[in-house]
Amino acid sequence: MLVTVDVGAGPAQSSGIDIFRNTGKKLERVAFQPLGTQGAQGILLVPHTQTLAVGLSNAGVAFLPLDDALRGKAKVGVLPQGERSGSGYLSASPDGQFVFVADEYGDGGNIGIIALRWFCK
């Protein structure tokens, strides 16, 4: 199970993904994948890829390899969505070719459309 988390507030804020394993009796935290200082919101496993996408508030959308993220060791790449975009919740096309991002504040609110052929293999 993957859960986005924000820790702290103000300049000390950081965000990431907590990774849990079901032991049969409880959920056990096994790793933490840092994402930076922007609030982590929506998380998505892009269909037909081994790539996670995470909305990072005003930073844009983070992309990271699933296998490395599950160990807390992924290199995070961020695709900006504009100044103070408020990037949050994500959805993908069923074929995994596009990610749609709710940009709460960008141009008064908009939907970002990201073509993934360049990011995900």
C-alpha atoms as a PDB file:
ATOM      1  CA  MET A   1       0.000   0.000   0.000  1.00  0.00           C
ATOM      2  CA  LEU A   2       1.281   3.473  -0.908  1.00  0.00           C
ATOM      3  CA  VAL A   3       0.158   6.611   0.949  1.00  0.00           C
ATOM      4  CA  THR A   4       1.197  10.210   0.251  1.00  0.00           C
ATOM      5  CA  VAL A   5       2.181  12.141   3.385  1.00  0.00           C
ATOM      6  CA  ASP A   6       3.171  15.647   4.379  1.00  0.00           C
ATOM      7  CA  VAL A   7       5.311  16.229   7.460  1.00  0.00           C
ATOM      8  CA  GLY A   8       5.791  19.529   9.259  1.00  0.00           C
ATOM      9  CA  ALA A   9       4.674  22.974   8.163  1.00  0.00           C
ATOM     10  CA  GLY A  10       6.108  26.123   6.626  1.00  0.00           C
ATOM     11  CA  PRO A  11       9.791  26.046   5.665  1.00  0.00           C
ATOM     12  CA  ALA A  12      10.245  22.723   7.495  1.00  0.00           C
ATOM     13  CA  GLN A  13       7.552  20.944   5.444  1.00  0.00           C
ATOM     14  CA  SER A  14       8.491  17.842   3.516  1.00  0.00           C
ATOM     15  CA  SER A  15       6.435  15.281   1.656  1.00  0.00           C
ATOM     16  CA  GLY A  16       6.767  11.739   0.442  1.00  0.00           C
ATOM     17  CA  ILE A  17       5.258   8.308   0.075  1.00  0.00           C
ATOM     18  CA  ASP A  18       4.933   5.874   2.968  1.00  0.00           C
ATOM     19  CA  ILE A  19       5.162   2.265   1.764  1.00  0.00           C
ATOM     20  CA  PHE A  20       3.332  -0.402   3.783  1.00  0.00           C
ATOM     21  CA  ARG A  21       3.173  -4.197   3.579  1.00  0.00           C
ATOM     22  CA  ASN A  22       0.238  -6.282   4.756  1.00  0.00           C
ATOM     23  CA  THR A  23       1.619  -8.907   7.167  1.00  0.00           C
ATOM     24  CA  GLY A  24      -1.758 -10.613   7.548  1.00  0.00           C
ATOM     25  CA  LYS A  25      -2.270  -9.134  11.016  1.00  0.00           C
ATOM     26  CA  LYS A  26      -1.365  -5.485  10.431  1.00  0.00           C
ATOM     27  CA  LEU A  27       0.129  -3.012   8.016  1.00  0.00           C
ATOM     28  CA  GLU A  28       3.883  -2.683   8.480  1.00  0.00           C
ATOM     29  CA  ARG A  29       5.721   0.425   7.266  1.00  0.00           C
ATOM     30  CA  VAL A  30       8.670  -0.755   5.181  1.00  0.00           C
ATOM     31  CA  ALA A  31      10.003   2.400   3.496  1.00  0.00           C
ATOM     32  CA  PHE A  32       9.625   6.128   2.951  1.00  0.00           C
ATOM     33  CA  GLN A  33      10.188   7.751  -0.444  1.00  0.00           C
ATOM     34  CA  PRO A  34      10.969  11.483  -0.093  1.00  0.00           C
ATOM     35  CA  LEU A  35       9.430  13.837  -2.658  1.00  0.00           C
ATOM     36  CA  GLY A  36      10.625  17.282  -1.546  1.00  0.00           C
ATOM     37  CA  THR A  37       9.058  20.299   0.101  1.00  0.00           C
ATOM     38  CA  GLN A  38       5.793  20.622  -1.857  1.00  0.00           C
ATOM     39  CA  GLY A  39       2.670  18.909  -0.562  1.00  0.00           C
ATOM     40  CA  ALA A  40       2.101  15.437  -2.004  1.00  0.00           C
ATOM     41  CA  GLN A  41      -1.497  14.910  -3.043  1.00  0.00           C
ATOM     42  CA  GLY A  42      -2.801  12.439  -5.611  1.00  0.00           C
ATOM     43  CA  ILE A  43      -0.819   9.300  -6.419  1.00  0.00           C
ATOM     44  CA  LEU A  44      -1.252   7.106  -9.471  1.00  0.00           C
ATOM     45  CA  LEU A  45       0.338   3.964 -10.875  1.00  0.00           C
ATOM     46  CA  VAL A  46       0.359   4.696 -14.598  1.00  0.00           C
ATOM     47  CA  PRO A  47      -1.308   1.784 -16.465  1.00  0.00           C
ATOM     48  CA  HIS A  48       0.978  -0.516 -18.476  1.00  0.00           C
ATOM     49  CA  THR A  49       4.125   1.052 -16.960  1.00  0.00           C
ATOM     50  CA  GLN A  50       6.193   0.660 -13.834  1.00  0.00           C
ATOM     51  CA  THR A  51       5.884   4.398 -13.107  1.00  0.00           C
ATOM     52  CA  LEU A  52       4.264   6.313 -10.271  1.00  0.00           C
ATOM     53  CA  ALA A  53       2.956   9.846 -10.752  1.00  0.00           C
ATOM     54  CA  VAL A  54       2.294  12.170  -7.785  1.00  0.00           C
ATOM     55  CA  GLY A  55       0.714  15.624  -7.729  1.00  0.00           C
ATOM     56  CA  LEU A  56       3.106  17.966  -5.893  1.00  0.00           C
ATOM     57  CA  SER A  57       1.022  21.057  -5.177  1.00  0.00           C
ATOM     58  CA  ASN A  58       2.887  24.018  -6.682  1.00  0.00           C
ATOM     59  CA  ALA A  59       5.832  22.011  -8.049  1.00  0.00           C
ATOM     60  CA  GLY A  60       3.853  20.061 -10.680  1.00  0.00           C
ATOM     61  CA  VAL A  61       3.795  16.299 -11.199  1.00  0.00           C
ATOM     62  CA  ALA A  62       6.517  13.966  -9.944  1.00  0.00           C
ATOM     63  CA  PHE A  63       7.361  10.798 -11.868  1.00  0.00           C
ATOM     64  CA  LEU A  64       9.351   7.959 -10.314  1.00  0.00           C
ATOM     65  CA  PRO A  65      10.087   4.298 -11.043  1.00  0.00           C
ATOM     66  CA  LEU A  66       7.860   2.007  -8.976  1.00  0.00           C
ATOM     67  CA  ASP A  67      10.500  -0.567  -8.005  1.00  0.00           C
ATOM     68  CA  ASP A  68      12.915   2.069  -6.686  1.00  0.00           C
ATOM     69  CA  ALA A  69      10.105   3.939  -4.888  1.00  0.00           C
ATOM     70  CA  LEU A  70       9.070   0.762  -3.064  1.00  0.00           C
ATOM     71  CA  ARG A  71      12.552   0.765  -1.498  1.00  0.00           C
ATOM     72  CA  GLY A  72      12.517   4.539  -0.829  1.00  0.00           C
ATOM     73  CA  LYS A  73      15.399   5.044  -3.275  1.00  0.00           C
ATOM     74  CA  ALA A  74      13.786   6.472  -6.428  1.00  0.00           C
ATOM     75  CA  LYS A  75      15.153   9.425  -8.329  1.00  0.00           C
ATOM     76  CA  VAL A  76      12.245  11.867  -8.638  1.00  0.00           C
ATOM     77  CA  GLY A  77      11.664  13.794 -11.859  1.00  0.00           C
ATOM     78  CA  VAL A  78       9.213  16.715 -11.714  1.00  0.00           C
ATOM     79  CA  LEU A  79       7.275  18.144 -14.644  1.00  0.00           C
ATOM     80  CA  PRO A  80       6.117  21.697 -13.711  1.00  0.00           C
ATOM     81  CA  GLN A  81       2.526  22.692 -14.427  1.00  0.00           C
ATOM     82  CA  GLY A  82       2.985  26.471 -14.163  1.00  0.00           C
ATOM     83  CA  GLU A  83       3.515  28.964 -11.379  1.00  0.00           C
ATOM     84  CA  ARG A  84       1.447  28.146  -8.269  1.00  0.00           C
ATOM     85  CA  SER A  85      -0.534  25.554 -10.218  1.00  0.00           C
ATOM     86  CA  GLY A  86      -1.885  23.644  -7.229  1.00  0.00           C
ATOM     87  CA  SER A  87      -1.323  20.299  -8.970  1.00  0.00           C
ATOM     88  CA  GLY A  88      -3.183  17.642  -7.078  1.00  0.00           C
ATOM     89  CA  TYR A  89      -5.244  14.730  -8.177  1.00  0.00           C
ATOM     90  CA  LEU A  90      -4.379  12.570 -11.149  1.00  0.00           C
ATOM     91  CA  SER A  91      -6.000  10.209 -13.592  1.00  0.00           C
ATOM     92  CA  ALA A  92      -4.655   8.302 -16.579  1.00  0.00           C
ATOM     93  CA  SER A  93      -6.044   7.153 -19.877  1.00  0.00           C
ATOM     94  CA  PRO A  94      -6.704   3.385 -19.850  1.00  0.00           C
ATOM     95  CA  ASP A  95      -3.874   2.809 -22.333  1.00  0.00           C
ATOM     96  CA  GLY A  96      -1.369   4.660 -20.105  1.00  0.00           C
ATOM     97  CA  GLN A  97      -0.518   7.195 -22.796  1.00  0.00           C
ATOM     98  CA  PHE A  98      -1.758  10.288 -20.939  1.00  0.00           C
ATOM     99  CA  VAL A  99      -1.944  11.588 -17.378  1.00  0.00           C
ATOM    100  CA  PHE A 100      -4.545  14.205 -16.514  1.00  0.00           C
ATOM    101  CA  VAL A 101      -3.758  16.551 -13.623  1.00  0.00           C
ATOM    102  CA  ALA A 102      -6.155  18.800 -11.717  1.00  0.00           C
ATOM    103  CA  ASP A 103      -4.341  22.142 -11.492  1.00  0.00           C
ATOM    104  CA  GLU A 104      -6.483  23.924  -8.912  1.00  0.00           C
ATOM    105  CA  TYR A 105      -5.009  27.405  -9.323  1.00  0.00           C
ATOM    106  CA  GLY A 106      -3.340  27.420 -12.755  1.00  0.00           C
ATOM    107  CA  ASP A 107      -5.065  30.067 -14.897  1.00  0.00           C
ATOM    108  CA  GLY A 108      -7.987  30.050 -12.459  1.00  0.00           C
ATOM    109  CA  GLY A 109      -8.098  26.249 -12.477  1.00  0.00           C
ATOM    110  CA  ASN A 110      -7.437  23.887 -15.363  1.00  0.00           C
ATOM    111  CA  ILE A 111      -6.620  20.340 -16.352  1.00  0.00           C
ATOM    112  CA  GLY A 112      -3.062  19.541 -17.379  1.00  0.00           C
ATOM    113  CA  ILE A 113      -2.656  16.816 -20.001  1.00  0.00           C
ATOM    114  CA  ILE A 114       0.717  15.066 -20.072  1.00  0.00           C
ATOM    115  CA  ALA A 115       1.653  12.791 -22.985  1.00  0.00           C
ATOM    116  CA  LEU A 116       3.729  10.015 -21.424  1.00  0.00           C
ATOM    117  CA  ARG A 117       5.539   8.512 -24.380  1.00  0.00           C
ATOM    118  CA  TRP A 118       8.624  10.540 -23.359  1.00  0.00           C
ATOM    119  CA  PHE A 119       8.489   9.696 -19.629  1.00  0.00           C
ATOM    120  CA  CYS A 120       7.363   6.109 -19.229  1.00  0.00           C
ATOM    121  CA  LYS A 121       8.699   3.008 -20.899  1.00  0.00           C
END
